[in-house]
Amino acid sequence: MAGAPLPDHLLLFDGVCNLCTGAVRFVVPRDRRGRIRFAALQGPTGQRILREQGLGTAELSTLIYLRQGRVLTRSTAALQLFRDLDGAWPLLAVLLGLPRVLRDAVYDRVARRRYRWFGRTEACLVPGPDLAARFVD
């Protein structure tokens, strides 16, 4: 996918984090239109975007959501992601009205402990046939 155009809705996630891969599994059935695509931060597309945005490997501790050309991180990425889901989930976007410093403090607290609380795997999520079309790499 090097140099290829990116989807309008692309969620980049830590592919070895159980919480992050759980987030992907959470999104799929709640995005019935199938607009949101996925890529592991450790993969070619994830690494390309980290490079292009001048983000370092520390950004592996955050979700990155490319939404209609905007690069969103941390709590803003998560809340905008909820905005794009079906059902009542977009109502959580009201939390975007809270100061970002407060939202990101909560997000960072969970991100720092995610491996301890949820564990990690040795390899990135390998999507099954039902999910493969939703992954860019």
N, C-alpha and C. Protein backbone atom coordinates (compact mmCIF):
# COMPACT_ATOMS: atom_id res chain seq x y z
N MET A 1 0.83 -1.19 0.00
CA MET A 1 0.00 0.00 0.00
C MET A 1 0.87 1.25 0.00
N ALA A 2 2.15 1.10 -0.17
CA ALA A 2 3.04 2.26 -0.15
C ALA A 2 2.65 3.25 -1.23
N GLY A 3 2.38 4.47 -0.81
CA GLY A 3 2.02 5.53 -1.73
C GLY A 3 0.57 5.49 -2.19
N ALA A 4 -0.14 4.43 -1.91
CA ALA A 4 -1.53 4.32 -2.34
C ALA A 4 -2.41 5.26 -1.52
N PRO A 5 -3.52 5.71 -2.08
CA PRO A 5 -4.42 6.57 -1.32
C PRO A 5 -5.00 5.80 -0.12
N LEU A 6 -5.23 6.53 0.95
CA LEU A 6 -5.75 5.91 2.16
C LEU A 6 -7.27 6.03 2.21
N PRO A 7 -7.92 5.08 2.88
CA PRO A 7 -9.37 5.17 3.02
C PRO A 7 -9.78 6.41 3.83
N ASP A 8 -11.01 6.84 3.67
CA ASP A 8 -11.53 7.99 4.42
C ASP A 8 -11.65 7.72 5.91
N HIS A 9 -11.80 6.47 6.30
CA HIS A 9 -11.94 6.08 7.69
C HIS A 9 -11.00 4.91 7.94
N LEU A 10 -9.86 5.19 8.56
CA LEU A 10 -8.84 4.16 8.80
C LEU A 10 -8.41 4.21 10.25
N LEU A 11 -8.59 3.09 10.95
CA LEU A 11 -8.19 2.98 12.34
C LEU A 11 -6.86 2.24 12.42
N LEU A 12 -5.85 2.91 12.95
CA LEU A 12 -4.55 2.30 13.17
C LEU A 12 -4.47 1.92 14.65
N PHE A 13 -4.06 0.70 14.92
CA PHE A 13 -4.08 0.19 16.29
C PHE A 13 -2.82 -0.61 16.57
N ASP A 14 -2.49 -0.76 17.86
CA ASP A 14 -1.37 -1.58 18.29
C ASP A 14 -1.76 -3.03 18.08
N GLY A 15 -1.16 -3.68 17.11
CA GLY A 15 -1.54 -5.02 16.71
C GLY A 15 -1.23 -6.12 17.70
N VAL A 16 -0.41 -5.85 18.72
CA VAL A 16 -0.11 -6.88 19.71
C VAL A 16 -0.82 -6.64 21.03
N CYS A 17 -1.59 -5.57 21.12
CA CYS A 17 -2.32 -5.23 22.34
C CYS A 17 -3.71 -5.87 22.30
N ASN A 18 -4.03 -6.64 23.33
CA ASN A 18 -5.34 -7.29 23.38
C ASN A 18 -6.48 -6.28 23.47
N LEU A 19 -6.29 -5.18 24.17
CA LEU A 19 -7.33 -4.15 24.24
C LEU A 19 -7.57 -3.55 22.86
N CYS A 20 -6.50 -3.29 22.14
CA CYS A 20 -6.61 -2.66 20.82
C CYS A 20 -7.25 -3.59 19.80
N THR A 21 -6.83 -4.85 19.79
CA THR A 21 -7.46 -5.80 18.86
C THR A 21 -8.91 -6.05 19.27
N GLY A 22 -9.19 -5.97 20.57
CA GLY A 22 -10.58 -6.06 21.03
C GLY A 22 -11.39 -4.89 20.51
N ALA A 23 -10.76 -3.72 20.41
CA ALA A 23 -11.45 -2.54 19.87
C ALA A 23 -11.83 -2.78 18.41
N VAL A 24 -10.95 -3.40 17.65
CA VAL A 24 -11.25 -3.72 16.25
C VAL A 24 -12.45 -4.66 16.20
N ARG A 25 -12.42 -5.68 17.03
CA ARG A 25 -13.54 -6.64 17.06
C ARG A 25 -14.85 -5.98 17.53
N PHE A 26 -14.73 -4.95 18.36
CA PHE A 26 -15.90 -4.19 18.81
C PHE A 26 -16.48 -3.35 17.67
N VAL A 27 -15.60 -2.74 16.89
CA VAL A 27 -16.03 -1.83 15.83
C VAL A 27 -16.75 -2.56 14.70
N VAL A 28 -16.22 -3.70 14.29
CA VAL A 28 -16.73 -4.37 13.08
C VAL A 28 -18.24 -4.55 13.07
N PRO A 29 -18.86 -5.15 14.08
CA PRO A 29 -20.31 -5.32 14.00
C PRO A 29 -21.11 -4.03 14.19
N ARG A 30 -20.45 -3.00 14.69
CA ARG A 30 -21.13 -1.72 14.93
C ARG A 30 -20.92 -0.74 13.79
N ASP A 31 -20.21 -1.17 12.77
CA ASP A 31 -20.00 -0.39 11.55
C ASP A 31 -20.62 -1.21 10.42
N ARG A 32 -21.94 -1.26 10.42
CA ARG A 32 -22.65 -2.12 9.46
C ARG A 32 -22.43 -1.70 8.01
N ARG A 33 -22.10 -0.43 7.79
CA ARG A 33 -21.83 0.04 6.42
C ARG A 33 -20.44 -0.35 5.95
N GLY A 34 -19.59 -0.79 6.88
CA GLY A 34 -18.25 -1.23 6.51
C GLY A 34 -17.34 -0.11 6.05
N ARG A 35 -17.56 1.10 6.53
CA ARG A 35 -16.73 2.24 6.11
C ARG A 35 -15.35 2.22 6.75
N ILE A 36 -15.25 1.74 7.98
CA ILE A 36 -14.00 1.83 8.73
C ILE A 36 -13.10 0.66 8.34
N ARG A 37 -11.88 1.01 7.96
CA ARG A 37 -10.86 0.02 7.61
C ARG A 37 -9.82 0.00 8.73
N PHE A 38 -8.95 -0.98 8.73
CA PHE A 38 -8.02 -1.18 9.83
C PHE A 38 -6.61 -1.47 9.33
N ALA A 39 -5.64 -1.06 10.15
CA ALA A 39 -4.24 -1.41 9.90
C ALA A 39 -3.50 -1.38 11.23
N ALA A 40 -2.61 -2.34 11.43
CA ALA A 40 -1.78 -2.35 12.63
C ALA A 40 -0.71 -1.28 12.49
N LEU A 41 -0.43 -0.61 13.60
CA LEU A 41 0.62 0.41 13.59
C LEU A 41 1.97 -0.19 13.22
N GLN A 42 2.15 -1.46 13.51
CA GLN A 42 3.43 -2.13 13.22
C GLN A 42 3.56 -2.52 11.76
N GLY A 43 2.48 -2.48 11.00
CA GLY A 43 2.50 -2.90 9.61
C GLY A 43 2.97 -1.80 8.67
N PRO A 44 3.06 -2.10 7.38
CA PRO A 44 3.57 -1.13 6.40
C PRO A 44 2.77 0.17 6.36
N THR A 45 1.45 0.10 6.36
CA THR A 45 0.64 1.33 6.30
C THR A 45 0.79 2.12 7.58
N GLY A 46 0.74 1.43 8.72
CA GLY A 46 0.90 2.11 10.00
C GLY A 46 2.25 2.81 10.10
N GLN A 47 3.30 2.12 9.71
CA GLN A 47 4.64 2.71 9.76
C GLN A 47 4.76 3.90 8.80
N ARG A 48 4.17 3.76 7.63
CA ARG A 48 4.17 4.86 6.65
C ARG A 48 3.50 6.10 7.23
N ILE A 49 2.34 5.93 7.85
CA ILE A 49 1.62 7.07 8.40
C ILE A 49 2.38 7.67 9.57
N LEU A 50 2.95 6.84 10.44
CA LEU A 50 3.76 7.38 11.54
C LEU A 50 4.89 8.24 10.99
N ARG A 51 5.56 7.74 9.96
CA ARG A 51 6.66 8.50 9.33
C ARG A 51 6.16 9.80 8.74
N GLU A 52 5.10 9.73 7.93
CA GLU A 52 4.58 10.91 7.25
C GLU A 52 4.09 11.98 8.22
N GLN A 53 3.58 11.56 9.37
CA GLN A 53 3.06 12.50 10.35
C GLN A 53 4.12 12.93 11.36
N GLY A 54 5.33 12.40 11.22
CA GLY A 54 6.40 12.76 12.14
C GLY A 54 6.18 12.21 13.54
N LEU A 55 5.47 11.09 13.62
CA LEU A 55 5.19 10.46 14.91
C LEU A 55 6.20 9.35 15.14
N GLY A 56 6.63 9.21 16.39
CA GLY A 56 7.61 8.18 16.71
C GLY A 56 6.96 6.89 17.15
N THR A 57 7.79 5.97 17.58
CA THR A 57 7.27 4.68 18.03
C THR A 57 6.48 4.82 19.33
N ALA A 58 6.61 5.92 20.04
CA ALA A 58 5.79 6.14 21.24
C ALA A 58 4.32 6.18 20.87
N GLU A 59 4.02 6.52 19.63
CA GLU A 59 2.63 6.58 19.19
C GLU A 59 2.00 5.21 19.07
N LEU A 60 2.79 4.14 19.27
CA LEU A 60 2.21 2.81 19.27
C LEU A 60 1.28 2.64 20.47
N SER A 61 1.36 3.55 21.43
CA SER A 61 0.51 3.44 22.61
C SER A 61 -0.83 4.16 22.42
N THR A 62 -1.15 4.54 21.21
CA THR A 62 -2.41 5.24 20.97
C THR A 62 -3.11 4.71 19.73
N LEU A 63 -4.41 4.88 19.72
CA LEU A 63 -5.15 4.68 18.48
C LEU A 63 -4.90 5.90 17.61
N ILE A 64 -4.78 5.67 16.34
CA ILE A 64 -4.71 6.78 15.39
C ILE A 64 -5.85 6.54 14.41
N TYR A 65 -6.66 7.55 14.24
CA TYR A 65 -7.83 7.42 13.38
C TYR A 65 -7.74 8.47 12.28
N LEU A 66 -7.61 8.00 11.06
CA LEU A 66 -7.64 8.90 9.91
C LEU A 66 -9.09 9.02 9.50
N ARG A 67 -9.61 10.22 9.64
CA ARG A 67 -11.03 10.45 9.38
C ARG A 67 -11.15 11.58 8.38
N GLN A 68 -11.48 11.22 7.16
CA GLN A 68 -11.69 12.19 6.09
C GLN A 68 -10.51 13.16 5.97
N GLY A 69 -9.31 12.58 5.94
CA GLY A 69 -8.10 13.36 5.73
C GLY A 69 -7.47 13.95 6.98
N ARG A 70 -8.12 13.84 8.12
CA ARG A 70 -7.57 14.36 9.38
C ARG A 70 -6.96 13.21 10.17
N VAL A 71 -5.81 13.47 10.79
CA VAL A 71 -5.16 12.48 11.64
C VAL A 71 -5.52 12.80 13.08
N LEU A 72 -6.23 11.88 13.72
CA LEU A 72 -6.69 12.08 15.09
C LEU A 72 -5.99 11.07 15.99
N THR A 73 -5.67 11.48 17.21
CA THR A 73 -5.00 10.59 18.15
C THR A 73 -5.70 10.63 19.50
N ARG A 74 -5.36 9.65 20.31
CA ARG A 74 -5.77 9.54 21.71
C ARG A 74 -7.28 9.63 21.88
N SER A 75 -7.74 10.41 22.84
CA SER A 75 -9.17 10.44 23.14
C SER A 75 -9.99 11.00 21.97
N THR A 76 -9.43 11.92 21.23
CA THR A 76 -10.15 12.48 20.09
C THR A 76 -10.39 11.39 19.04
N ALA A 77 -9.39 10.56 18.81
CA ALA A 77 -9.55 9.45 17.86
C ALA A 77 -10.63 8.50 18.32
N ALA A 78 -10.61 8.12 19.58
CA ALA A 78 -11.60 7.17 20.10
C ALA A 78 -13.02 7.75 20.01
N LEU A 79 -13.19 9.01 20.39
CA LEU A 79 -14.52 9.60 20.38
C LEU A 79 -15.04 9.85 18.96
N GLN A 80 -14.16 10.23 18.06
CA GLN A 80 -14.58 10.37 16.66
C GLN A 80 -14.92 9.01 16.06
N LEU A 81 -14.21 7.99 16.48
CA LEU A 81 -14.53 6.63 16.04
C LEU A 81 -15.94 6.26 16.48
N PHE A 82 -16.28 6.54 17.74
CA PHE A 82 -17.65 6.27 18.21
C PHE A 82 -18.66 7.03 17.36
N ARG A 83 -18.32 8.24 16.96
CA ARG A 83 -19.22 9.05 16.14
C ARG A 83 -19.57 8.35 14.83
N ASP A 84 -18.65 7.54 14.32
CA ASP A 84 -18.86 6.89 13.02
C ASP A 84 -19.50 5.50 13.12
N LEU A 85 -19.83 5.07 14.32
CA LEU A 85 -20.47 3.77 14.48
C LEU A 85 -21.98 3.89 14.37
N ASP A 86 -22.63 2.75 14.20
CA ASP A 86 -24.08 2.70 14.14
C ASP A 86 -24.66 2.57 15.55
N GLY A 87 -25.95 2.80 15.66
CA GLY A 87 -26.62 2.67 16.94
C GLY A 87 -26.47 3.93 17.78
N ALA A 88 -26.44 3.74 19.09
CA ALA A 88 -26.36 4.88 20.02
C ALA A 88 -24.93 5.33 20.29
N TRP A 89 -23.95 4.63 19.79
CA TRP A 89 -22.54 4.95 20.08
C TRP A 89 -22.15 6.38 19.74
N PRO A 90 -22.67 6.99 18.68
CA PRO A 90 -22.30 8.38 18.39
C PRO A 90 -22.64 9.36 19.51
N LEU A 91 -23.52 8.98 20.40
CA LEU A 91 -23.86 9.87 21.52
C LEU A 91 -22.64 10.13 22.42
N LEU A 92 -21.69 9.20 22.44
CA LEU A 92 -20.48 9.39 23.24
C LEU A 92 -19.63 10.55 22.75
N ALA A 93 -19.85 10.98 21.51
CA ALA A 93 -19.08 12.10 20.97
C ALA A 93 -19.33 13.39 21.75
N VAL A 94 -20.39 13.42 22.55
CA VAL A 94 -20.64 14.59 23.39
C VAL A 94 -19.44 14.83 24.33
N LEU A 95 -18.69 13.78 24.64
CA LEU A 95 -17.51 13.92 25.50
C LEU A 95 -16.41 14.74 24.84
N LEU A 96 -16.51 14.97 23.54
CA LEU A 96 -15.55 15.85 22.88
C LEU A 96 -15.65 17.27 23.42
N GLY A 97 -16.76 17.60 24.08
CA GLY A 97 -16.93 18.91 24.69
C GLY A 97 -16.10 19.10 25.95
N LEU A 98 -15.60 18.02 26.52
CA LEU A 98 -14.71 18.13 27.69
C LEU A 98 -13.34 18.62 27.23
N PRO A 99 -12.62 19.29 28.10
CA PRO A 99 -11.26 19.73 27.72
C PRO A 99 -10.39 18.54 27.32
N ARG A 100 -9.69 18.72 26.22
CA ARG A 100 -8.86 17.62 25.70
C ARG A 100 -7.83 17.16 26.72
N VAL A 101 -7.29 18.07 27.49
CA VAL A 101 -6.27 17.69 28.48
C VAL A 101 -6.85 16.69 29.49
N LEU A 102 -8.10 16.84 29.87
CA LEU A 102 -8.74 15.90 30.80
C LEU A 102 -9.02 14.57 30.10
N ARG A 103 -9.57 14.63 28.88
CA ARG A 103 -9.86 13.41 28.14
C ARG A 103 -8.60 12.60 27.90
N ASP A 104 -7.54 13.29 27.48
CA ASP A 104 -6.29 12.59 27.17
C ASP A 104 -5.61 12.05 28.42
N ALA A 105 -5.81 12.70 29.57
CA ALA A 105 -5.23 12.18 30.81
C ALA A 105 -5.84 10.82 31.14
N VAL A 106 -7.15 10.68 30.98
CA VAL A 106 -7.82 9.40 31.23
C VAL A 106 -7.35 8.38 30.19
N TYR A 107 -7.31 8.80 28.93
CA TYR A 107 -6.87 7.91 27.85
C TYR A 107 -5.45 7.41 28.13
N ASP A 108 -4.55 8.32 28.48
CA ASP A 108 -3.15 7.96 28.72
C ASP A 108 -3.00 7.00 29.90
N ARG A 109 -3.82 7.19 30.91
CA ARG A 109 -3.77 6.30 32.09
C ARG A 109 -4.08 4.86 31.67
N VAL A 110 -5.10 4.69 30.87
CA VAL A 110 -5.44 3.34 30.37
C VAL A 110 -4.35 2.84 29.43
N ALA A 111 -3.88 3.69 28.54
CA ALA A 111 -2.86 3.28 27.55
C ALA A 111 -1.58 2.79 28.23
N ARG A 112 -1.18 3.45 29.30
CA ARG A 112 0.05 3.04 30.00
C ARG A 112 -0.09 1.67 30.66
N ARG A 113 -1.30 1.29 31.00
CA ARG A 113 -1.53 0.04 31.72
C ARG A 113 -2.18 -1.05 30.87
N ARG A 114 -2.37 -0.79 29.61
CA ARG A 114 -3.15 -1.71 28.78
C ARG A 114 -2.56 -3.11 28.70
N TYR A 115 -1.25 -3.24 28.63
CA TYR A 115 -0.65 -4.58 28.57
C TYR A 115 -0.84 -5.30 29.91
N ARG A 116 -0.67 -4.57 31.00
CA ARG A 116 -0.82 -5.18 32.32
C ARG A 116 -2.26 -5.63 32.55
N TRP A 117 -3.22 -4.79 32.17
CA TRP A 117 -4.63 -5.08 32.42
C TRP A 117 -5.22 -6.06 31.42
N PHE A 118 -4.86 -5.95 30.15
CA PHE A 118 -5.51 -6.73 29.10
C PHE A 118 -4.58 -7.74 28.42
N GLY A 119 -3.28 -7.61 28.65
CA GLY A 119 -2.32 -8.53 28.07
C GLY A 119 -1.92 -8.13 26.65
N ARG A 120 -1.03 -8.94 26.11
CA ARG A 120 -0.55 -8.72 24.75
C ARG A 120 -0.27 -10.06 24.10
N THR A 121 -0.17 -10.03 22.79
CA THR A 121 0.14 -11.24 22.04
C THR A 121 1.55 -11.09 21.46
N GLU A 122 2.08 -12.16 20.97
CA GLU A 122 3.42 -12.13 20.39
C GLU A 122 3.44 -11.63 18.95
N ALA A 123 2.27 -11.67 18.31
CA ALA A 123 2.19 -11.26 16.90
C ALA A 123 0.94 -10.42 16.68
N CYS A 124 0.95 -9.64 15.62
CA CYS A 124 -0.20 -8.81 15.28
C CYS A 124 -1.40 -9.68 14.92
N LEU A 125 -2.57 -9.12 15.11
CA LEU A 125 -3.82 -9.77 14.75
C LEU A 125 -3.79 -10.16 13.28
N VAL A 126 -4.09 -11.41 13.01
CA VAL A 126 -4.23 -11.88 11.64
C VAL A 126 -5.73 -12.05 11.39
N PRO A 127 -6.30 -11.19 10.55
CA PRO A 127 -7.75 -11.25 10.36
C PRO A 127 -8.16 -12.52 9.63
N GLY A 128 -9.31 -13.04 10.06
CA GLY A 128 -9.88 -14.19 9.37
C GLY A 128 -10.51 -13.74 8.07
N PRO A 129 -11.05 -14.67 7.31
CA PRO A 129 -11.64 -14.32 6.01
C PRO A 129 -12.77 -13.29 6.12
N ASP A 130 -13.49 -13.31 7.24
CA ASP A 130 -14.60 -12.37 7.42
C ASP A 130 -14.12 -10.94 7.62
N LEU A 131 -12.89 -10.76 8.11
CA LEU A 131 -12.36 -9.41 8.37
C LEU A 131 -11.31 -8.97 7.36
N ALA A 132 -10.74 -9.88 6.62
CA ALA A 132 -9.60 -9.57 5.76
C ALA A 132 -9.85 -8.39 4.82
N ALA A 133 -11.03 -8.28 4.27
CA ALA A 133 -11.32 -7.20 3.34
C ALA A 133 -11.32 -5.83 4.00
N ARG A 134 -11.45 -5.80 5.32
CA ARG A 134 -11.48 -4.54 6.05
C ARG A 134 -10.08 -4.04 6.41
N PHE A 135 -9.06 -4.86 6.22
CA PHE A 135 -7.68 -4.50 6.54
C PHE A 135 -6.96 -4.02 5.29
N VAL A 136 -6.16 -2.96 5.43
CA VAL A 136 -5.47 -2.42 4.27
C VAL A 136 -4.15 -3.13 3.99
N ASP A 137 -3.54 -3.76 4.96
CA ASP A 137 -2.28 -4.48 4.75
C ASP A 137 -2.55 -5.96 4.67
